[in-house]
Amino acid sequence: TIVCNSATRFQYNNRPVGVTVSWSFSQNLVGASGWEKCLYSSPCIYLRAANASAGGTGWVQATISGGPCGDVVLPKHDVWVGVPKEPSDIFGFTYDGMQFNSNSEYGFWAITHYSQQINYYEWFVTGGTIQYGQGTQHLHVKTGNASFSNNFSVELRTDNNCGISPTLYRYGYLIPGGGDPFESDSTQLNDKLRLA
């Protein structure tokens, strides 16, 4: 679930007769307008982001009281609050100042937090042409012609239903001769995706 600045409803279904439900949630969430649609100690709650900068992971949890088994605490329901964070890394662009061959094809992967519910990956390339992948996590680029050292950069930002992330910027250089090899090791990529 993603929670923005507007109210998001959470509901516990199939509540047993005669019990009440109380709610707890992470500090980056607050009660939102719409709570009046839920009765006191009801199976629903309306929450929103605590403020414009309250991004990141969060959680919502329900506790059922009044039944024969005493209080029953349900598992936390994980949520993402607010716009996505700046992308963690661009796999294939190892460091700023990296050299790339001119007139060559390269692939880049966006490394982002898995729970941000990203809708779109927006890429910007200087010194090359996007072949395909705009809007997706993987971008394929052909670099331009360089008779001497030319600038080459890749920028990335993402969006979800709450808005647009900050932009990650990587810069490097195009050279006529051989540059650093493109990192194509799938094991390295999978490790980065797991850690993101």
N, C-alpha and C. Protein backbone atom coordinates (compact mmCIF):
# COMPACT_ATOMS: atom_id res chain seq x y z
N THR A 1 0.85 -1.20 0.00
CA THR A 1 0.00 0.00 0.00
C THR A 1 0.88 1.24 0.00
N ILE A 2 0.47 2.24 -0.74
CA ILE A 2 1.18 3.52 -0.74
C ILE A 2 0.28 4.57 -0.10
N VAL A 3 0.87 5.44 0.72
CA VAL A 3 0.11 6.47 1.43
C VAL A 3 0.70 7.83 1.07
N CYS A 4 -0.14 8.73 0.55
CA CYS A 4 0.30 10.08 0.19
C CYS A 4 -0.25 11.08 1.21
N ASN A 5 -0.37 12.32 0.80
CA ASN A 5 -0.89 13.35 1.71
C ASN A 5 -2.41 13.32 1.82
N SER A 6 -3.05 12.56 0.97
CA SER A 6 -4.51 12.42 1.06
C SER A 6 -4.86 11.15 1.83
N ALA A 7 -6.11 11.05 2.25
CA ALA A 7 -6.53 9.94 3.12
C ALA A 7 -6.51 8.60 2.39
N THR A 8 -5.96 7.62 3.07
CA THR A 8 -5.98 6.24 2.60
C THR A 8 -6.68 5.38 3.64
N ARG A 9 -7.61 4.57 3.20
CA ARG A 9 -8.42 3.76 4.13
C ARG A 9 -7.77 2.39 4.34
N PHE A 10 -7.68 2.00 5.60
CA PHE A 10 -7.26 0.65 5.97
C PHE A 10 -8.42 -0.01 6.70
N GLN A 11 -8.66 -1.27 6.41
CA GLN A 11 -9.84 -1.92 6.96
C GLN A 11 -9.52 -3.35 7.34
N TYR A 12 -10.06 -3.77 8.48
CA TYR A 12 -9.99 -5.17 8.90
C TYR A 12 -11.34 -5.81 8.59
N ASN A 13 -11.32 -6.80 7.72
CA ASN A 13 -12.56 -7.44 7.28
C ASN A 13 -12.92 -8.63 8.17
N ASN A 14 -14.20 -8.98 8.15
CA ASN A 14 -14.71 -10.16 8.86
C ASN A 14 -14.44 -10.09 10.37
N ARG A 15 -14.72 -8.95 10.96
CA ARG A 15 -14.53 -8.79 12.40
C ARG A 15 -15.54 -9.66 13.15
N PRO A 16 -15.08 -10.46 14.11
CA PRO A 16 -16.02 -11.27 14.90
C PRO A 16 -16.99 -10.38 15.68
N VAL A 17 -18.18 -10.88 15.95
CA VAL A 17 -19.18 -10.14 16.70
C VAL A 17 -18.68 -9.90 18.12
N GLY A 18 -18.91 -8.70 18.64
CA GLY A 18 -18.61 -8.39 20.02
C GLY A 18 -17.19 -7.97 20.30
N VAL A 19 -16.34 -7.83 19.27
CA VAL A 19 -14.96 -7.39 19.51
C VAL A 19 -14.78 -5.99 18.95
N THR A 20 -13.75 -5.30 19.43
CA THR A 20 -13.39 -3.98 18.92
C THR A 20 -12.00 -4.06 18.30
N VAL A 21 -11.72 -3.08 17.43
CA VAL A 21 -10.43 -3.04 16.76
C VAL A 21 -9.77 -1.70 17.07
N SER A 22 -8.55 -1.74 17.55
CA SER A 22 -7.77 -0.51 17.76
C SER A 22 -6.58 -0.53 16.80
N TRP A 23 -6.06 0.66 16.53
CA TRP A 23 -5.04 0.79 15.48
C TRP A 23 -3.78 1.43 16.02
N SER A 24 -2.65 0.99 15.50
CA SER A 24 -1.37 1.67 15.73
C SER A 24 -0.68 1.79 14.38
N PHE A 25 0.24 2.75 14.28
CA PHE A 25 0.89 2.98 12.99
C PHE A 25 2.21 3.71 13.21
N SER A 26 3.05 3.71 12.19
CA SER A 26 4.39 4.31 12.27
C SER A 26 4.30 5.83 12.39
N GLN A 27 5.39 6.44 12.85
CA GLN A 27 5.40 7.88 13.15
C GLN A 27 5.28 8.75 11.90
N ASN A 28 5.54 8.20 10.72
CA ASN A 28 5.40 9.01 9.51
C ASN A 28 3.97 9.00 8.96
N LEU A 29 3.02 8.48 9.75
CA LEU A 29 1.59 8.50 9.39
C LEU A 29 0.80 9.21 10.48
N VAL A 30 -0.32 9.84 10.08
CA VAL A 30 -1.24 10.45 11.03
C VAL A 30 -2.67 10.16 10.57
N GLY A 31 -3.61 10.30 11.51
CA GLY A 31 -5.01 10.16 11.15
C GLY A 31 -5.42 11.22 10.14
N ALA A 32 -6.32 10.85 9.23
CA ALA A 32 -6.70 11.75 8.15
C ALA A 32 -8.19 12.02 8.19
N SER A 33 -8.58 13.08 7.52
CA SER A 33 -10.00 13.38 7.35
C SER A 33 -10.67 12.18 6.69
N GLY A 34 -11.75 11.78 7.20
CA GLY A 34 -12.43 10.57 6.75
C GLY A 34 -12.62 9.60 7.88
N TRP A 35 -11.93 9.88 9.01
CA TRP A 35 -12.07 9.00 10.16
C TRP A 35 -13.51 8.93 10.65
N GLU A 36 -14.26 10.03 10.40
CA GLU A 36 -15.64 10.05 10.88
C GLU A 36 -16.51 9.00 10.17
N LYS A 37 -16.01 8.48 9.06
CA LYS A 37 -16.74 7.41 8.37
C LYS A 37 -16.56 6.07 9.07
N CYS A 38 -15.59 6.01 9.98
CA CYS A 38 -15.37 4.80 10.77
C CYS A 38 -15.90 5.05 12.17
N LEU A 39 -16.66 4.12 12.71
CA LEU A 39 -17.14 4.24 14.07
C LEU A 39 -15.99 4.04 15.04
N TYR A 40 -16.17 4.54 16.28
CA TYR A 40 -15.15 4.37 17.31
C TYR A 40 -14.83 2.88 17.48
N SER A 41 -13.53 2.58 17.56
CA SER A 41 -13.07 1.18 17.68
C SER A 41 -13.66 0.32 16.57
N SER A 42 -13.61 0.83 15.38
CA SER A 42 -14.21 0.14 14.25
C SER A 42 -13.14 -0.62 13.47
N PRO A 43 -13.57 -1.39 12.48
CA PRO A 43 -12.59 -2.13 11.69
C PRO A 43 -11.93 -1.30 10.58
N CYS A 44 -12.01 0.04 10.65
CA CYS A 44 -11.33 0.82 9.61
C CYS A 44 -10.70 2.08 10.21
N ILE A 45 -9.73 2.62 9.46
CA ILE A 45 -9.05 3.86 9.85
C ILE A 45 -8.59 4.56 8.59
N TYR A 46 -8.54 5.90 8.62
CA TYR A 46 -8.03 6.69 7.51
C TYR A 46 -6.71 7.33 7.94
N LEU A 47 -5.67 7.15 7.13
CA LEU A 47 -4.35 7.69 7.44
C LEU A 47 -3.80 8.44 6.25
N ARG A 48 -2.88 9.37 6.54
CA ARG A 48 -2.13 10.09 5.50
C ARG A 48 -0.71 10.28 5.98
N ALA A 49 0.15 10.77 5.06
CA ALA A 49 1.53 11.09 5.44
C ALA A 49 1.54 12.17 6.50
N ALA A 50 2.43 12.05 7.49
CA ALA A 50 2.46 13.00 8.60
C ALA A 50 2.79 14.41 8.12
N ASN A 51 3.63 14.55 7.11
CA ASN A 51 3.95 15.85 6.53
C ASN A 51 4.59 15.61 5.16
N ALA A 52 4.93 16.70 4.48
CA ALA A 52 5.42 16.58 3.10
C ALA A 52 6.75 15.83 3.01
N SER A 53 7.54 15.85 4.10
CA SER A 53 8.85 15.18 4.05
C SER A 53 8.84 13.83 4.75
N ALA A 54 7.66 13.34 5.12
CA ALA A 54 7.57 12.09 5.89
C ALA A 54 7.55 10.90 4.96
N GLY A 55 8.60 10.71 4.19
CA GLY A 55 8.65 9.61 3.25
C GLY A 55 9.31 8.37 3.86
N GLY A 56 9.27 7.29 3.10
CA GLY A 56 9.94 6.07 3.52
C GLY A 56 8.98 4.96 3.88
N THR A 57 9.53 3.91 4.44
CA THR A 57 8.72 2.77 4.83
C THR A 57 7.92 3.09 6.08
N GLY A 58 6.76 2.47 6.21
CA GLY A 58 5.92 2.64 7.39
C GLY A 58 5.11 1.38 7.61
N TRP A 59 4.21 1.44 8.56
CA TRP A 59 3.40 0.25 8.86
C TRP A 59 2.10 0.66 9.54
N VAL A 60 1.11 -0.23 9.44
CA VAL A 60 -0.19 -0.09 10.10
C VAL A 60 -0.49 -1.44 10.76
N GLN A 61 -1.06 -1.39 11.97
CA GLN A 61 -1.32 -2.63 12.69
C GLN A 61 -2.65 -2.55 13.44
N ALA A 62 -3.38 -3.63 13.43
CA ALA A 62 -4.67 -3.70 14.13
C ALA A 62 -4.57 -4.66 15.31
N THR A 63 -5.24 -4.29 16.41
CA THR A 63 -5.34 -5.16 17.58
C THR A 63 -6.82 -5.41 17.85
N ILE A 64 -7.20 -6.68 17.97
CA ILE A 64 -8.58 -7.07 18.21
C ILE A 64 -8.74 -7.36 19.71
N SER A 65 -9.72 -6.72 20.33
CA SER A 65 -9.94 -6.87 21.77
C SER A 65 -11.38 -7.32 22.04
N GLY A 66 -11.56 -8.01 23.18
CA GLY A 66 -12.91 -8.38 23.61
C GLY A 66 -13.33 -9.77 23.25
N GLY A 67 -12.48 -10.53 22.62
CA GLY A 67 -12.82 -11.89 22.26
C GLY A 67 -12.41 -12.87 23.35
N PRO A 68 -12.74 -14.15 23.20
CA PRO A 68 -12.43 -15.17 24.22
C PRO A 68 -10.93 -15.41 24.40
N CYS A 69 -10.12 -14.99 23.43
CA CYS A 69 -8.68 -15.24 23.51
C CYS A 69 -7.90 -14.03 24.02
N GLY A 70 -8.61 -13.00 24.48
CA GLY A 70 -7.91 -11.78 24.89
C GLY A 70 -7.52 -10.96 23.69
N ASP A 71 -6.57 -10.03 23.88
CA ASP A 71 -6.13 -9.19 22.77
C ASP A 71 -5.35 -10.01 21.74
N VAL A 72 -5.69 -9.81 20.48
CA VAL A 72 -4.98 -10.46 19.38
C VAL A 72 -4.37 -9.37 18.50
N VAL A 73 -3.04 -9.35 18.42
CA VAL A 73 -2.33 -8.35 17.62
C VAL A 73 -2.05 -8.94 16.25
N LEU A 74 -2.60 -8.33 15.23
CA LEU A 74 -2.38 -8.82 13.87
C LEU A 74 -1.00 -8.40 13.36
N PRO A 75 -0.46 -9.09 12.38
CA PRO A 75 0.83 -8.71 11.82
C PRO A 75 0.79 -7.28 11.24
N LYS A 76 1.93 -6.62 11.29
CA LYS A 76 2.02 -5.28 10.71
C LYS A 76 1.83 -5.35 9.20
N HIS A 77 1.10 -4.37 8.69
CA HIS A 77 0.92 -4.23 7.24
C HIS A 77 1.90 -3.15 6.77
N ASP A 78 2.87 -3.53 5.95
CA ASP A 78 3.90 -2.58 5.48
C ASP A 78 3.34 -1.64 4.43
N VAL A 79 3.75 -0.38 4.50
CA VAL A 79 3.33 0.63 3.52
C VAL A 79 4.55 1.44 3.08
N TRP A 80 4.40 2.13 1.97
CA TRP A 80 5.38 3.14 1.56
C TRP A 80 4.69 4.50 1.70
N VAL A 81 5.38 5.45 2.32
CA VAL A 81 4.81 6.77 2.57
C VAL A 81 5.50 7.81 1.68
N GLY A 82 4.71 8.50 0.85
CA GLY A 82 5.22 9.63 0.07
C GLY A 82 5.87 9.25 -1.24
N VAL A 83 6.58 10.25 -1.81
CA VAL A 83 7.23 10.08 -3.11
C VAL A 83 8.41 9.12 -2.97
N PRO A 84 8.88 8.56 -4.08
CA PRO A 84 10.04 7.68 -4.00
C PRO A 84 11.29 8.43 -3.54
N LYS A 85 12.20 7.70 -2.93
CA LYS A 85 13.52 8.25 -2.62
C LYS A 85 14.31 8.40 -3.92
N GLU A 86 15.38 9.20 -3.86
CA GLU A 86 16.30 9.25 -4.99
C GLU A 86 16.77 7.83 -5.29
N PRO A 87 16.84 7.43 -6.57
CA PRO A 87 17.32 6.08 -6.88
C PRO A 87 18.66 5.81 -6.20
N SER A 88 18.85 4.57 -5.76
CA SER A 88 20.06 4.21 -5.01
C SER A 88 21.30 4.20 -5.89
N ASP A 89 21.15 3.73 -7.12
CA ASP A 89 22.33 3.58 -7.99
C ASP A 89 21.86 3.33 -9.41
N ILE A 90 22.78 3.50 -10.35
CA ILE A 90 22.56 3.11 -11.74
C ILE A 90 23.59 2.04 -12.06
N PHE A 91 23.14 0.80 -12.13
CA PHE A 91 24.04 -0.30 -12.41
C PHE A 91 24.54 -0.19 -13.84
N GLY A 92 25.86 -0.26 -14.02
CA GLY A 92 26.47 -0.06 -15.32
C GLY A 92 27.17 1.28 -15.42
N PHE A 93 26.88 2.17 -14.47
CA PHE A 93 27.58 3.47 -14.39
C PHE A 93 28.22 3.49 -13.00
N THR A 94 29.35 2.81 -12.88
CA THR A 94 29.94 2.47 -11.59
C THR A 94 30.32 3.68 -10.75
N TYR A 95 30.84 4.71 -11.39
CA TYR A 95 31.33 5.88 -10.65
C TYR A 95 31.32 7.10 -11.57
N ASP A 96 31.26 8.28 -10.97
CA ASP A 96 31.36 9.52 -11.75
C ASP A 96 32.77 9.63 -12.33
N GLY A 97 32.83 10.10 -13.58
CA GLY A 97 34.11 10.19 -14.28
C GLY A 97 34.44 8.95 -15.09
N MET A 98 33.54 8.00 -15.12
CA MET A 98 33.77 6.75 -15.86
C MET A 98 33.89 7.03 -17.35
N GLN A 99 34.72 6.25 -18.03
CA GLN A 99 34.91 6.41 -19.47
C GLN A 99 34.12 5.35 -20.24
N PHE A 100 33.54 5.79 -21.36
CA PHE A 100 32.76 4.90 -22.21
C PHE A 100 33.27 5.02 -23.64
N ASN A 101 33.24 3.92 -24.38
CA ASN A 101 33.61 3.95 -25.79
C ASN A 101 32.58 4.75 -26.58
N SER A 102 33.04 5.48 -27.56
CA SER A 102 32.11 6.14 -28.47
C SER A 102 31.54 5.11 -29.45
N ASN A 103 30.38 5.44 -30.02
CA ASN A 103 29.71 4.57 -30.99
C ASN A 103 29.55 3.14 -30.46
N SER A 104 29.15 3.03 -29.20
CA SER A 104 29.01 1.72 -28.57
C SER A 104 27.67 1.64 -27.84
N GLU A 105 27.23 0.43 -27.58
CA GLU A 105 25.95 0.23 -26.91
C GLU A 105 26.18 -0.23 -25.47
N TYR A 106 25.39 0.36 -24.57
CA TYR A 106 25.50 0.06 -23.14
C TYR A 106 24.11 -0.12 -22.55
N GLY A 107 24.04 -0.93 -21.51
CA GLY A 107 22.80 -1.11 -20.78
C GLY A 107 22.95 -0.60 -19.36
N PHE A 108 21.88 -0.01 -18.82
CA PHE A 108 21.89 0.52 -17.46
C PHE A 108 20.63 0.03 -16.73
N TRP A 109 20.80 -0.26 -15.44
CA TRP A 109 19.69 -0.70 -14.60
C TRP A 109 19.48 0.29 -13.47
N ALA A 110 18.22 0.62 -13.20
CA ALA A 110 17.89 1.46 -12.04
C ALA A 110 17.84 0.59 -10.79
N ILE A 111 18.54 1.03 -9.74
CA ILE A 111 18.48 0.35 -8.45
C ILE A 111 17.66 1.23 -7.52
N THR A 112 16.49 0.74 -7.11
CA THR A 112 15.57 1.52 -6.28
C THR A 112 15.03 0.64 -5.16
N HIS A 113 14.46 1.27 -4.15
CA HIS A 113 13.85 0.55 -3.04
C HIS A 113 12.64 -0.22 -3.56
N TYR A 114 12.55 -1.49 -3.21
CA TYR A 114 11.56 -2.38 -3.83
C TYR A 114 10.11 -2.01 -3.52
N SER A 115 9.83 -1.30 -2.41
CA SER A 115 8.44 -1.13 -1.97
C SER A 115 7.84 0.23 -2.33
N GLN A 116 8.51 1.01 -3.18
CA GLN A 116 8.04 2.37 -3.46
C GLN A 116 6.90 2.44 -4.46
N GLN A 117 6.55 1.31 -5.04
CA GLN A 117 5.47 1.22 -6.03
C GLN A 117 5.67 2.22 -7.17
N ILE A 118 6.79 2.10 -7.80
CA ILE A 118 7.16 3.04 -8.87
C ILE A 118 6.32 2.76 -10.12
N ASN A 119 5.80 3.85 -10.68
CA ASN A 119 5.02 3.76 -11.92
C ASN A 119 5.87 3.95 -13.16
N TYR A 120 6.91 4.80 -13.06
CA TYR A 120 7.64 5.21 -14.26
C TYR A 120 9.08 5.55 -13.90
N TYR A 121 10.00 5.11 -14.75
CA TYR A 121 11.42 5.46 -14.64
C TYR A 121 11.74 6.45 -15.76
N GLU A 122 12.11 7.67 -15.39
CA GLU A 122 12.38 8.69 -16.41
C GLU A 122 13.89 8.89 -16.52
N TRP A 123 14.43 8.61 -17.71
CA TRP A 123 15.86 8.67 -17.96
C TRP A 123 16.19 9.87 -18.84
N PHE A 124 17.34 10.47 -18.60
CA PHE A 124 17.88 11.55 -19.42
C PHE A 124 19.32 11.19 -19.76
N VAL A 125 19.67 11.28 -21.04
CA VAL A 125 21.02 10.92 -21.48
C VAL A 125 21.61 12.07 -22.28
N THR A 126 22.85 12.44 -21.96
CA THR A 126 23.61 13.43 -22.73
C THR A 126 24.83 12.74 -23.32
N GLY A 127 25.05 12.91 -24.61
CA GLY A 127 26.20 12.28 -25.26
C GLY A 127 25.88 10.90 -25.84
N GLY A 128 24.58 10.58 -25.87
CA GLY A 128 24.17 9.30 -26.43
C GLY A 128 22.69 9.34 -26.79
N THR A 129 22.21 8.25 -27.35
CA THR A 129 20.82 8.15 -27.77
C THR A 129 20.17 6.95 -27.09
N ILE A 130 19.01 7.17 -26.52
CA ILE A 130 18.26 6.07 -25.91
C ILE A 130 17.70 5.20 -27.02
N GLN A 131 18.07 3.91 -27.02
CA GLN A 131 17.57 2.96 -28.01
C GLN A 131 16.20 2.41 -27.60
N TYR A 132 16.09 2.01 -26.34
CA TYR A 132 14.81 1.56 -25.80
C TYR A 132 14.91 1.49 -24.27
N GLY A 133 13.77 1.38 -23.62
CA GLY A 133 13.74 1.24 -22.17
C GLY A 133 13.25 2.46 -21.42
N GLN A 134 12.98 3.59 -22.11
CA GLN A 134 12.45 4.75 -21.40
C GLN A 134 11.16 4.37 -20.69
N GLY A 135 11.09 4.72 -19.42
CA GLY A 135 9.92 4.38 -18.62
C GLY A 135 10.07 3.10 -17.84
N THR A 136 11.10 2.32 -18.12
CA THR A 136 11.30 1.05 -17.44
C THR A 136 12.57 1.08 -16.59
N GLN A 137 12.81 -0.02 -15.89
CA GLN A 137 13.97 -0.10 -15.00
C GLN A 137 15.27 -0.31 -15.76
N HIS A 138 15.20 -0.78 -16.99
CA HIS A 138 16.40 -1.08 -17.78
C HIS A 138 16.45 -0.19 -19.01
N LEU A 139 17.58 0.47 -19.21
CA LEU A 139 17.75 1.40 -20.34
C LEU A 139 18.87 0.91 -21.24
N HIS A 140 18.65 1.01 -22.55
CA HIS A 140 19.67 0.65 -23.54
C HIS A 140 20.05 1.91 -24.31
N VAL A 141 21.36 2.22 -24.34
CA VAL A 141 21.85 3.48 -24.90
C VAL A 141 22.95 3.20 -25.93
N LYS A 142 22.95 3.99 -26.98
CA LYS A 142 24.09 4.01 -27.90
C LYS A 142 24.81 5.33 -27.74
N THR A 143 26.10 5.27 -27.47
CA THR A 143 26.88 6.49 -27.27
C THR A 143 27.16 7.18 -28.59
N GLY A 144 27.43 8.48 -28.51
CA GLY A 144 27.71 9.27 -29.70
C GLY A 144 29.13 9.09 -30.18
N ASN A 145 29.46 9.82 -31.24
CA ASN A 145 30.80 9.78 -31.81
C ASN A 145 31.70 10.77 -31.07
N ALA A 146 32.90 10.34 -30.71
CA ALA A 146 33.82 11.22 -30.00
C ALA A 146 35.19 11.18 -30.67
N SER A 147 35.63 12.32 -31.20
CA SER A 147 36.97 12.41 -31.76
C SER A 147 37.97 12.78 -30.67
N PHE A 148 37.45 13.26 -29.54
CA PHE A 148 38.26 13.53 -28.34
C PHE A 148 37.32 13.31 -27.15
N SER A 149 37.77 13.60 -25.96
CA SER A 149 36.95 13.33 -24.78
C SER A 149 35.71 14.23 -24.77
N ASN A 150 34.52 13.61 -24.81
CA ASN A 150 33.26 14.33 -24.77
C ASN A 150 32.49 13.94 -23.50
N ASN A 151 31.60 14.84 -23.08
CA ASN A 151 30.81 14.55 -21.89
C ASN A 151 29.76 13.50 -22.18
N PHE A 152 29.51 12.65 -21.18
CA PHE A 152 28.46 11.64 -21.27
C PHE A 152 27.82 11.55 -19.88
N SER A 153 26.50 11.66 -19.82
CA SER A 153 25.84 11.60 -18.51
C SER A 153 24.53 10.83 -18.63
N VAL A 154 24.15 10.24 -17.50
CA VAL A 154 22.87 9.55 -17.38
C VAL A 154 22.20 10.04 -16.11
N GLU A 155 20.96 10.48 -16.23
CA GLU A 155 20.18 10.93 -15.07
C GLU A 155 18.93 10.07 -14.96
N LEU A 156 18.46 9.91 -13.73
CA LEU A 156 17.30 9.06 -13.51
C LEU A 156 16.46 9.62 -12.37
N ARG A 157 15.15 9.67 -12.60
CA ARG A 157 14.20 9.94 -11.53
C ARG A 157 13.00 9.02 -11.73
N THR A 158 12.24 8.82 -10.66
CA THR A 158 11.10 7.91 -10.72
C THR A 158 9.87 8.61 -10.17
N ASP A 159 8.71 8.01 -10.40
CA ASP A 159 7.51 8.55 -9.76
C ASP A 159 6.59 7.41 -9.32
N ASN A 160 5.78 7.74 -8.31
CA ASN A 160 4.71 6.85 -7.90
C ASN A 160 3.45 7.70 -7.79
N ASN A 161 2.39 7.18 -7.19
CA ASN A 161 1.14 7.93 -7.13
C ASN A 161 1.23 9.19 -6.26
N CYS A 162 2.29 9.30 -5.46
CA CYS A 162 2.45 10.49 -4.60
C CYS A 162 3.25 11.60 -5.27
N GLY A 163 4.05 11.29 -6.28
CA GLY A 163 4.84 12.34 -6.92
C GLY A 163 6.17 11.82 -7.46
N ILE A 164 7.11 12.76 -7.68
CA ILE A 164 8.36 12.48 -8.38
C ILE A 164 9.53 12.50 -7.38
N SER A 165 10.44 11.57 -7.57
CA SER A 165 11.62 11.48 -6.71
C SER A 165 12.66 12.54 -7.07
N PRO A 166 13.64 12.78 -6.18
CA PRO A 166 14.82 13.55 -6.59
C PRO A 166 15.57 12.80 -7.70
N THR A 167 16.41 13.51 -8.43
CA THR A 167 17.13 12.94 -9.58
C THR A 167 18.52 12.47 -9.18
N LEU A 168 18.87 11.26 -9.61
CA LEU A 168 20.24 10.75 -9.46
C LEU A 168 20.99 11.08 -10.74
N TYR A 169 22.17 11.69 -10.59
CA TYR A 169 22.95 12.17 -11.74
C TYR A 169 24.30 11.47 -11.75
N ARG A 170 24.67 10.90 -12.87
CA ARG A 170 25.98 10.30 -13.07
C ARG A 170 26.61 10.92 -14.32
N TYR A 171 27.89 11.32 -14.21
CA TYR A 171 28.56 11.91 -15.38
C TYR A 171 29.83 11.13 -15.68
N GLY A 172 30.18 11.12 -16.96
CA GLY A 172 31.40 10.46 -17.40
C GLY A 172 31.87 11.07 -18.70
N TYR A 173 32.66 10.30 -19.46
CA TYR A 173 33.28 10.82 -20.68
C TYR A 173 33.24 9.78 -21.78
N LEU A 174 33.07 10.26 -23.01
CA LEU A 174 33.20 9.42 -24.19
C LEU A 174 34.61 9.57 -24.73
N ILE A 175 35.23 8.47 -25.09
CA ILE A 175 36.58 8.52 -25.65
C ILE A 175 36.62 7.71 -26.95
N PRO A 176 37.50 8.07 -27.86
CA PRO A 176 37.57 7.34 -29.12
C PRO A 176 38.04 5.91 -28.94
N GLY A 177 38.94 5.69 -27.97
CA GLY A 177 39.49 4.35 -27.78
C GLY A 177 38.69 3.55 -26.78
N GLY A 178 39.33 2.57 -26.18
CA GLY A 178 38.66 1.68 -25.23
C GLY A 178 38.41 2.36 -23.89
N GLY A 179 37.26 2.16 -23.36
CA GLY A 179 36.92 2.69 -22.04
C GLY A 179 36.76 1.56 -21.04
N ASP A 180 36.24 1.87 -19.88
CA ASP A 180 35.97 0.84 -18.88
C ASP A 180 34.90 -0.11 -19.41
N PRO A 181 35.05 -1.40 -19.17
CA PRO A 181 34.03 -2.34 -19.67
C PRO A 181 32.72 -2.17 -18.94
N PHE A 182 31.64 -2.45 -19.65
CA PHE A 182 30.31 -2.40 -19.04
C PHE A 182 30.15 -3.57 -18.09
N GLU A 183 29.66 -3.29 -16.86
CA GLU A 183 29.43 -4.35 -15.88
C GLU A 183 28.18 -5.13 -16.29
N SER A 184 28.38 -6.35 -16.78
CA SER A 184 27.25 -7.15 -17.22
C SER A 184 27.06 -8.40 -16.37
N ASP A 185 27.81 -8.50 -15.28
CA ASP A 185 27.73 -9.67 -14.40
C ASP A 185 26.37 -9.70 -13.72
N SER A 186 25.54 -10.70 -14.05
CA SER A 186 24.19 -10.76 -13.50
C SER A 186 24.21 -11.01 -12.00
N THR A 187 25.25 -11.67 -11.48
CA THR A 187 25.35 -11.90 -10.04
C THR A 187 25.49 -10.57 -9.30
N GLN A 188 26.35 -9.68 -9.82
CA GLN A 188 26.52 -8.36 -9.21
C GLN A 188 25.20 -7.59 -9.24
N LEU A 189 24.50 -7.65 -10.35
CA LEU A 189 23.23 -6.93 -10.47
C LEU A 189 22.21 -7.47 -9.48
N ASN A 190 22.10 -8.78 -9.38
CA ASN A 190 21.13 -9.36 -8.44
C ASN A 190 21.46 -9.00 -7.01
N ASP A 191 22.75 -8.95 -6.67
CA ASP A 191 23.16 -8.54 -5.32
C ASP A 191 22.72 -7.11 -5.04
N LYS A 192 22.92 -6.22 -6.01
CA LYS A 192 22.53 -4.81 -5.83
C LYS A 192 21.02 -4.69 -5.69
N LEU A 193 20.26 -5.44 -6.48
CA LEU A 193 18.80 -5.36 -6.40
C LEU A 193 18.30 -5.85 -5.05
N ARG A 194 18.92 -6.88 -4.51
CA ARG A 194 18.50 -7.38 -3.19
C ARG A 194 18.79 -6.37 -2.11
N LEU A 195 19.96 -5.69 -2.16
CA LEU A 195 20.34 -4.74 -1.13
C LEU A 195 19.55 -3.45 -1.22
N ALA A 196 19.02 -3.10 -2.39
CA ALA A 196 18.27 -1.85 -2.55
C ALA A 196 17.01 -1.91 -1.74
